[in-house]
Amino acid sequence: MADTQLMVWIDQDLCTGDGICEEICPDVFLGRDDGLWVVKEEASHFGETIIFDGADGAGHGPEGARGVARVPDSLIEAVVESAEECPGECIMIEPYSAEILAARGV
């Protein structure tokens, strides 16, 4: 299990759909069919893959501010770079919080 100090989510109202985030850090960001991006936790870092896209079922979680993904410490620099390069300024990075993590419902 990866160590994590940060969490990340995408404000869908600000996402411009450029996909720069996934180019920089594909282990954390994923493009949806509607042209917007979401965050995810990869099994290679956290034991199971969870995509925070608002879909139902196993392997999915809420989107937006409730769809907060843990950032593996090894990917902090890439996630910060993604946020800095994002033209929509929609990538929100927060310190790790067990309370917020529990509120995700997954």
N, C-alpha and C. Protein backbone atom coordinates (compact mmCIF):
# COMPACT_ATOMS: atom_id res chain seq x y z
N MET A 1 0.84 -1.17 0.00
CA MET A 1 0.00 0.00 0.00
C MET A 1 0.89 1.24 0.00
N ALA A 2 0.58 2.18 -0.86
CA ALA A 2 1.39 3.39 -1.00
C ALA A 2 1.16 4.35 0.16
N ASP A 3 2.22 5.07 0.51
CA ASP A 3 2.08 6.15 1.47
C ASP A 3 1.44 7.33 0.75
N THR A 4 0.66 8.11 1.49
CA THR A 4 -0.01 9.25 0.87
C THR A 4 -0.13 10.41 1.84
N GLN A 5 0.25 11.59 1.38
CA GLN A 5 0.13 12.81 2.16
C GLN A 5 -0.91 13.75 1.57
N LEU A 6 -1.27 13.50 0.31
CA LEU A 6 -2.18 14.40 -0.40
C LEU A 6 -3.35 13.64 -1.01
N MET A 7 -4.41 14.40 -1.31
CA MET A 7 -5.56 13.89 -2.04
C MET A 7 -5.85 14.89 -3.17
N VAL A 8 -6.55 14.42 -4.19
CA VAL A 8 -6.83 15.28 -5.34
C VAL A 8 -8.23 15.02 -5.86
N TRP A 9 -8.87 16.05 -6.40
CA TRP A 9 -10.16 15.92 -7.06
C TRP A 9 -10.24 16.95 -8.17
N ILE A 10 -11.21 16.77 -9.07
CA ILE A 10 -11.38 17.67 -10.20
C ILE A 10 -12.73 18.36 -10.10
N ASP A 11 -12.71 19.68 -10.22
CA ASP A 11 -13.94 20.46 -10.27
C ASP A 11 -14.46 20.37 -11.71
N GLN A 12 -15.50 19.57 -11.92
CA GLN A 12 -16.02 19.32 -13.27
C GLN A 12 -16.53 20.59 -13.95
N ASP A 13 -16.96 21.59 -13.18
CA ASP A 13 -17.44 22.84 -13.76
C ASP A 13 -16.30 23.64 -14.40
N LEU A 14 -15.07 23.39 -13.98
CA LEU A 14 -13.92 24.13 -14.51
C LEU A 14 -13.12 23.35 -15.54
N CYS A 15 -13.34 22.03 -15.62
CA CYS A 15 -12.56 21.18 -16.53
C CYS A 15 -12.82 21.57 -17.98
N THR A 16 -11.74 21.83 -18.72
CA THR A 16 -11.84 22.21 -20.13
C THR A 16 -11.64 21.03 -21.06
N GLY A 17 -11.30 19.87 -20.51
CA GLY A 17 -11.16 18.67 -21.32
C GLY A 17 -9.89 18.57 -22.12
N ASP A 18 -8.85 19.28 -21.75
CA ASP A 18 -7.59 19.25 -22.50
C ASP A 18 -6.81 17.95 -22.31
N GLY A 19 -6.94 17.32 -21.17
CA GLY A 19 -6.27 16.04 -20.94
C GLY A 19 -4.80 16.12 -20.60
N ILE A 20 -4.30 17.31 -20.34
CA ILE A 20 -2.89 17.46 -19.98
C ILE A 20 -2.59 16.68 -18.70
N CYS A 21 -3.56 16.65 -17.80
CA CYS A 21 -3.36 15.95 -16.53
C CYS A 21 -3.04 14.47 -16.76
N GLU A 22 -3.80 13.82 -17.65
CA GLU A 22 -3.57 12.40 -17.90
C GLU A 22 -2.25 12.16 -18.63
N GLU A 23 -1.86 13.09 -19.48
CA GLU A 23 -0.57 12.97 -20.15
C GLU A 23 0.57 13.00 -19.14
N ILE A 24 0.45 13.86 -18.14
CA ILE A 24 1.50 14.02 -17.14
C ILE A 24 1.46 12.91 -16.10
N CYS A 25 0.25 12.51 -15.69
CA CYS A 25 0.12 11.56 -14.57
C CYS A 25 -1.02 10.57 -14.82
N PRO A 26 -0.83 9.61 -15.72
CA PRO A 26 -1.90 8.67 -16.06
C PRO A 26 -2.33 7.74 -14.93
N ASP A 27 -1.53 7.62 -13.89
CA ASP A 27 -1.92 6.77 -12.75
C ASP A 27 -2.96 7.45 -11.85
N VAL A 28 -3.21 8.74 -12.05
CA VAL A 28 -4.15 9.47 -11.19
C VAL A 28 -5.33 10.06 -11.98
N PHE A 29 -5.13 10.39 -13.25
CA PHE A 29 -6.17 11.05 -14.04
C PHE A 29 -6.63 10.17 -15.19
N LEU A 30 -7.95 10.25 -15.49
CA LEU A 30 -8.54 9.42 -16.53
C LEU A 30 -9.60 10.21 -17.28
N GLY A 31 -9.55 10.16 -18.62
CA GLY A 31 -10.55 10.83 -19.44
C GLY A 31 -11.83 10.01 -19.52
N ARG A 32 -12.97 10.70 -19.44
CA ARG A 32 -14.28 10.06 -19.59
C ARG A 32 -14.74 10.20 -21.03
N ASP A 33 -15.81 9.48 -21.36
CA ASP A 33 -16.37 9.54 -22.71
C ASP A 33 -16.94 10.91 -23.05
N ASP A 34 -17.32 11.70 -22.04
CA ASP A 34 -17.91 13.02 -22.29
C ASP A 34 -16.87 14.11 -22.49
N GLY A 35 -15.58 13.74 -22.50
CA GLY A 35 -14.52 14.71 -22.75
C GLY A 35 -13.98 15.39 -21.52
N LEU A 36 -14.46 15.03 -20.35
CA LEU A 36 -13.94 15.59 -19.11
C LEU A 36 -13.07 14.54 -18.42
N TRP A 37 -12.32 14.99 -17.43
CA TRP A 37 -11.40 14.09 -16.74
C TRP A 37 -11.84 13.89 -15.29
N VAL A 38 -11.48 12.74 -14.74
CA VAL A 38 -11.75 12.39 -13.35
C VAL A 38 -10.46 11.86 -12.73
N VAL A 39 -10.51 11.67 -11.42
CA VAL A 39 -9.35 11.10 -10.72
C VAL A 39 -9.61 9.63 -10.42
N LYS A 40 -8.53 8.93 -10.14
CA LYS A 40 -8.64 7.51 -9.82
C LYS A 40 -7.52 7.11 -8.88
N GLU A 41 -7.73 5.98 -8.24
CA GLU A 41 -6.69 5.32 -7.45
C GLU A 41 -6.37 4.01 -8.14
N GLU A 42 -5.14 3.80 -8.50
CA GLU A 42 -4.72 2.59 -9.23
C GLU A 42 -4.40 1.45 -8.26
N ALA A 43 -4.77 0.25 -8.68
CA ALA A 43 -4.51 -0.95 -7.89
C ALA A 43 -3.01 -1.12 -7.60
N SER A 44 -2.17 -0.70 -8.53
CA SER A 44 -0.73 -0.86 -8.33
C SER A 44 -0.21 -0.04 -7.15
N HIS A 45 -0.99 0.95 -6.72
CA HIS A 45 -0.59 1.78 -5.58
C HIS A 45 -1.40 1.49 -4.32
N PHE A 46 -2.70 1.15 -4.49
CA PHE A 46 -3.60 1.05 -3.34
C PHE A 46 -4.33 -0.28 -3.22
N GLY A 47 -3.98 -1.27 -4.03
CA GLY A 47 -4.56 -2.61 -3.89
C GLY A 47 -5.81 -2.85 -4.72
N GLU A 48 -6.54 -1.80 -5.08
CA GLU A 48 -7.69 -1.91 -5.98
C GLU A 48 -7.83 -0.60 -6.74
N THR A 49 -8.37 -0.69 -7.94
CA THR A 49 -8.60 0.52 -8.74
C THR A 49 -9.99 1.06 -8.46
N ILE A 50 -10.05 2.36 -8.15
CA ILE A 50 -11.31 3.06 -7.97
C ILE A 50 -11.29 4.28 -8.87
N ILE A 51 -12.29 4.39 -9.73
CA ILE A 51 -12.43 5.54 -10.62
C ILE A 51 -13.54 6.42 -10.06
N PHE A 52 -13.23 7.66 -9.79
CA PHE A 52 -14.19 8.58 -9.18
C PHE A 52 -14.94 9.33 -10.29
N ASP A 53 -15.88 8.59 -10.89
CA ASP A 53 -16.62 9.10 -12.05
C ASP A 53 -18.13 9.19 -11.82
N GLY A 54 -18.57 8.91 -10.61
CA GLY A 54 -19.99 8.98 -10.30
C GLY A 54 -20.79 7.78 -10.75
N ALA A 55 -20.14 6.79 -11.37
CA ALA A 55 -20.85 5.58 -11.83
C ALA A 55 -21.13 4.67 -10.65
N ASP A 56 -22.11 3.79 -10.84
CA ASP A 56 -22.46 2.83 -9.80
C ASP A 56 -21.62 1.56 -9.93
N GLY A 57 -21.54 0.82 -8.84
CA GLY A 57 -20.90 -0.49 -8.87
C GLY A 57 -19.50 -0.49 -8.32
N ALA A 58 -18.96 -1.69 -8.24
CA ALA A 58 -17.61 -1.88 -7.73
C ALA A 58 -16.61 -1.17 -8.62
N GLY A 59 -15.60 -0.60 -8.00
CA GLY A 59 -14.55 0.08 -8.75
C GLY A 59 -14.87 1.51 -9.12
N HIS A 60 -16.01 2.02 -8.62
CA HIS A 60 -16.39 3.40 -8.92
C HIS A 60 -16.70 4.13 -7.63
N GLY A 61 -16.53 5.44 -7.67
CA GLY A 61 -16.84 6.28 -6.53
C GLY A 61 -17.45 7.58 -7.00
N PRO A 62 -17.81 8.45 -6.06
CA PRO A 62 -18.43 9.72 -6.43
C PRO A 62 -17.47 10.61 -7.21
N GLU A 63 -18.03 11.55 -7.97
CA GLU A 63 -17.19 12.50 -8.69
C GLU A 63 -17.20 13.84 -7.97
N GLY A 64 -16.49 14.81 -8.52
CA GLY A 64 -16.47 16.14 -7.94
C GLY A 64 -15.76 16.16 -6.60
N ALA A 65 -16.18 17.07 -5.72
CA ALA A 65 -15.51 17.26 -4.44
C ALA A 65 -15.57 16.04 -3.53
N ARG A 66 -16.61 15.20 -3.68
CA ARG A 66 -16.69 13.97 -2.87
C ARG A 66 -15.82 12.87 -3.46
N GLY A 67 -15.44 12.98 -4.71
CA GLY A 67 -14.62 11.98 -5.38
C GLY A 67 -13.15 12.27 -5.25
N VAL A 68 -12.68 12.23 -4.03
CA VAL A 68 -11.30 12.57 -3.72
C VAL A 68 -10.45 11.32 -3.78
N ALA A 69 -9.38 11.38 -4.56
CA ALA A 69 -8.46 10.24 -4.69
C ALA A 69 -7.18 10.50 -3.90
N ARG A 70 -6.69 9.45 -3.27
CA ARG A 70 -5.39 9.56 -2.60
C ARG A 70 -4.31 9.65 -3.66
N VAL A 71 -3.27 10.43 -3.36
CA VAL A 71 -2.13 10.58 -4.27
C VAL A 71 -0.95 9.82 -3.66
N PRO A 72 -0.44 8.81 -4.35
CA PRO A 72 0.77 8.14 -3.84
C PRO A 72 1.90 9.15 -3.70
N ASP A 73 2.65 9.07 -2.62
CA ASP A 73 3.75 10.02 -2.42
C ASP A 73 4.70 10.05 -3.61
N SER A 74 4.87 8.93 -4.27
CA SER A 74 5.78 8.87 -5.42
C SER A 74 5.27 9.68 -6.62
N LEU A 75 3.99 10.07 -6.59
CA LEU A 75 3.41 10.82 -7.71
C LEU A 75 3.05 12.26 -7.36
N ILE A 76 3.45 12.72 -6.18
CA ILE A 76 3.11 14.09 -5.77
C ILE A 76 3.59 15.12 -6.78
N GLU A 77 4.84 15.02 -7.20
CA GLU A 77 5.38 16.01 -8.14
C GLU A 77 4.60 16.03 -9.45
N ALA A 78 4.22 14.86 -9.95
CA ALA A 78 3.47 14.78 -11.21
C ALA A 78 2.07 15.36 -11.06
N VAL A 79 1.42 15.13 -9.92
CA VAL A 79 0.08 15.67 -9.69
C VAL A 79 0.15 17.20 -9.55
N VAL A 80 1.14 17.70 -8.85
CA VAL A 80 1.31 19.15 -8.72
C VAL A 80 1.58 19.77 -10.09
N GLU A 81 2.42 19.13 -10.89
CA GLU A 81 2.69 19.63 -12.24
C GLU A 81 1.41 19.64 -13.08
N SER A 82 0.59 18.58 -12.95
CA SER A 82 -0.68 18.53 -13.68
C SER A 82 -1.57 19.71 -13.30
N ALA A 83 -1.64 20.00 -12.01
CA ALA A 83 -2.46 21.13 -11.55
C ALA A 83 -1.92 22.46 -12.07
N GLU A 84 -0.61 22.60 -12.07
CA GLU A 84 -0.01 23.85 -12.55
C GLU A 84 -0.21 24.05 -14.05
N GLU A 85 -0.20 22.96 -14.81
CA GLU A 85 -0.33 23.05 -16.27
C GLU A 85 -1.77 23.08 -16.75
N CYS A 86 -2.73 22.74 -15.89
CA CYS A 86 -4.13 22.66 -16.28
C CYS A 86 -4.68 24.03 -16.68
N PRO A 87 -5.15 24.19 -17.93
CA PRO A 87 -5.67 25.49 -18.36
C PRO A 87 -6.98 25.87 -17.67
N GLY A 88 -7.74 24.89 -17.19
CA GLY A 88 -8.99 25.18 -16.52
C GLY A 88 -8.85 25.41 -15.02
N GLU A 89 -7.63 25.18 -14.50
CA GLU A 89 -7.36 25.31 -13.07
C GLU A 89 -8.38 24.55 -12.23
N CYS A 90 -8.71 23.33 -12.69
CA CYS A 90 -9.77 22.54 -12.06
C CYS A 90 -9.25 21.46 -11.13
N ILE A 91 -7.95 21.26 -11.06
CA ILE A 91 -7.38 20.20 -10.23
C ILE A 91 -7.13 20.74 -8.83
N MET A 92 -7.85 20.15 -7.87
CA MET A 92 -7.78 20.61 -6.48
C MET A 92 -6.98 19.60 -5.66
N ILE A 93 -5.93 20.08 -5.02
CA ILE A 93 -5.06 19.24 -4.20
C ILE A 93 -5.26 19.63 -2.74
N GLU A 94 -5.44 18.62 -1.89
CA GLU A 94 -5.69 18.85 -0.47
C GLU A 94 -4.80 17.93 0.36
N PRO A 95 -4.51 18.33 1.59
CA PRO A 95 -3.78 17.42 2.48
C PRO A 95 -4.63 16.20 2.80
N TYR A 96 -3.99 15.10 3.06
CA TYR A 96 -4.68 13.86 3.41
C TYR A 96 -5.55 14.08 4.63
N SER A 97 -6.79 13.57 4.57
CA SER A 97 -7.72 13.65 5.70
C SER A 97 -8.51 12.35 5.76
N ALA A 98 -8.37 11.63 6.87
CA ALA A 98 -9.12 10.38 7.04
C ALA A 98 -10.62 10.65 7.06
N GLU A 99 -11.03 11.80 7.59
CA GLU A 99 -12.45 12.16 7.64
C GLU A 99 -13.03 12.33 6.24
N ILE A 100 -12.32 13.05 5.37
CA ILE A 100 -12.77 13.25 3.99
C ILE A 100 -12.78 11.91 3.25
N LEU A 101 -11.75 11.11 3.50
CA LEU A 101 -11.66 9.80 2.85
C LEU A 101 -12.86 8.93 3.23
N ALA A 102 -13.25 8.94 4.48
CA ALA A 102 -14.39 8.14 4.93
C ALA A 102 -15.71 8.63 4.31
N ALA A 103 -15.81 9.93 4.05
CA ALA A 103 -17.04 10.50 3.50
C ALA A 103 -17.25 10.14 2.03
N ARG A 104 -16.23 9.59 1.36
CA ARG A 104 -16.36 9.21 -0.05
C ARG A 104 -17.36 8.08 -0.23
N GLY A 105 -17.47 7.24 0.77
CA GLY A 105 -18.41 6.13 0.69
C GLY A 105 -17.92 4.93 -0.08
N VAL A 106 -16.64 4.82 -0.35
CA VAL A 106 -16.10 3.63 -1.03
C VAL A 106 -15.01 3.00 -0.19
